[in-house]
Amino acid sequence: EVAAILDLPPTYVASVASFYTMFHQEPVGRHVIWVCTNISCSLLGAEHLLDYLSRKLGIAVGETTPDGRWTLLEAECLGACGGAPVMQVDEAYYEHLTEAEIDRILDEVGG
């Protein structure tokens, strides 16, 4: 449908949509959480925090909560290595994360 509107080949539209992570090809929740798992974040506990978020939200990476509130995704790099570990919720970045900080952020954003 997008290809027809833009008068472009469908394969071109599909390649652009699949390249950029901000274009979702499946429905996502009201709030999208990206957790960076690149080297800086991983060395400072990103995998643990990703597991914590998964348990807290009751979903696996790539899933959306049944109420449609949250989608949890893993990012190769969010480009904020100096603030590792980092997550992005919607358009906002959060740095130097801990479990307590994640709880506060989720309450604030999803409140």
Protein backbone atom coordinates (compact mmCIF):
# COMPACT_ATOMS: atom_id res chain seq x y z
CA GLU A 1 0.00 0.00 0.00
CA VAL A 2 2.81 2.44 0.88
CA ALA A 3 4.62 1.56 -2.36
CA ALA A 4 1.51 2.37 -4.38
CA ILE A 5 0.99 5.70 -2.61
CA LEU A 6 4.63 6.69 -3.18
CA ASP A 7 4.78 5.17 -6.68
CA LEU A 8 7.81 3.08 -5.71
CA PRO A 9 8.60 -0.62 -6.17
CA PRO A 10 7.38 -2.69 -3.19
CA THR A 11 10.85 -4.19 -2.76
CA TYR A 12 12.35 -0.72 -2.30
CA VAL A 13 9.81 0.20 0.37
CA ALA A 14 10.38 -3.14 2.13
CA SER A 15 14.15 -2.66 2.12
CA VAL A 16 13.88 0.81 3.65
CA ALA A 17 11.35 -0.33 6.25
CA SER A 18 13.50 -3.29 7.30
CA PHE A 19 16.73 -1.26 7.47
CA TYR A 20 15.60 1.44 9.90
CA THR A 21 14.73 0.24 13.40
CA MET A 22 12.24 3.05 13.99
CA PHE A 23 9.94 1.57 11.33
CA HIS A 24 8.01 -1.34 12.81
CA GLN A 25 6.58 -3.94 10.48
CA GLU A 26 4.47 -5.48 13.22
CA PRO A 27 2.26 -3.70 15.76
CA VAL A 28 4.09 -2.50 18.88
CA GLY A 29 2.97 -1.33 22.31
CA ARG A 30 2.14 2.20 23.34
CA HIS A 31 5.68 2.45 24.74
CA VAL A 32 8.69 0.82 23.07
CA ILE A 33 11.72 -0.06 25.21
CA TRP A 34 15.07 -0.59 23.50
CA VAL A 35 17.90 -2.00 25.66
CA CYS A 36 21.40 -1.56 24.27
CA THR A 37 23.47 -4.76 24.39
CA ASN A 38 26.62 -3.58 22.64
CA ILE A 39 29.99 -4.13 24.31
CA SER A 40 30.02 -1.14 26.70
CA CYS A 41 26.49 -1.77 27.91
CA SER A 42 27.01 -5.54 28.09
CA LEU A 43 30.15 -5.17 30.20
CA LEU A 44 28.16 -3.01 32.63
CA GLY A 45 25.19 -5.35 33.02
CA ALA A 46 22.85 -4.80 30.07
CA GLU A 47 22.03 -8.51 29.70
CA HIS A 48 21.02 -8.69 33.36
CA LEU A 49 18.85 -5.58 32.98
CA LEU A 50 17.26 -6.96 29.81
CA ASP A 51 16.41 -10.16 31.73
CA TYR A 52 15.07 -8.04 34.60
CA LEU A 53 12.79 -6.10 32.24
CA SER A 54 11.62 -9.32 30.61
CA ARG A 55 10.68 -10.81 33.99
CA LYS A 56 9.12 -7.56 35.25
CA LEU A 57 6.96 -7.11 32.14
CA GLY A 58 6.24 -10.82 31.74
CA ILE A 59 7.33 -10.87 28.10
CA ALA A 60 10.31 -12.01 26.05
CA VAL A 61 12.43 -9.71 23.93
CA GLY A 62 10.48 -8.91 20.77
CA GLU A 63 7.09 -9.25 22.46
CA THR A 64 4.41 -6.83 23.59
CA THR A 65 2.55 -7.03 26.89
CA PRO A 66 -1.01 -8.37 26.59
CA ASP A 67 -2.43 -4.96 27.55
CA GLY A 68 -0.54 -3.35 24.65
CA ARG A 69 1.36 -1.01 26.94
CA TRP A 70 5.00 -2.13 26.46
CA THR A 71 7.14 -3.68 23.73
CA LEU A 72 10.62 -4.88 24.72
CA LEU A 73 13.39 -4.85 22.10
CA GLU A 74 17.14 -5.33 22.04
CA ALA A 75 19.34 -2.76 20.27
CA GLU A 76 22.79 -3.50 18.92
CA CYS A 77 23.89 0.05 19.79
CA LEU A 78 22.11 3.20 20.94
CA GLY A 79 25.23 5.36 20.54
CA ALA A 80 25.46 6.43 24.18
CA CYS A 81 28.35 4.28 25.37
CA GLY A 82 29.51 6.84 27.93
CA GLY A 83 26.25 6.35 29.83
CA ALA A 84 26.22 2.55 29.77
CA PRO A 85 24.10 0.65 30.44
CA VAL A 86 21.51 2.51 28.37
CA MET A 87 17.91 2.04 27.31
CA GLN A 88 15.61 4.09 25.14
CA VAL A 89 11.92 4.37 25.99
CA ASP A 90 10.02 5.96 23.14
CA GLU A 91 12.24 8.94 22.23
CA ALA A 92 13.98 9.35 25.62
CA TYR A 93 17.37 7.89 26.56
CA TYR A 94 18.11 6.68 30.10
CA GLU A 95 21.70 6.09 31.19
CA HIS A 96 23.62 4.42 34.05
CA LEU A 97 20.69 2.08 34.66
CA THR A 98 19.96 -0.04 37.70
CA GLU A 99 16.93 -2.17 38.51
CA ALA A 100 15.64 0.57 40.82
CA GLU A 101 16.10 3.19 38.11
CA ILE A 102 14.22 1.01 35.61
CA ASP A 103 11.34 0.64 38.08
CA ARG A 104 11.20 4.42 38.50
CA ILE A 105 11.28 5.03 34.74
CA LEU A 106 8.53 2.52 34.00
CA ASP A 107 6.33 4.02 36.72
CA GLU A 108 6.97 7.52 35.39
CA VAL A 109 6.45 6.71 31.70
CA GLY A 110 3.68 4.16 32.04
CA GLY A 111 2.02 5.78 35.03
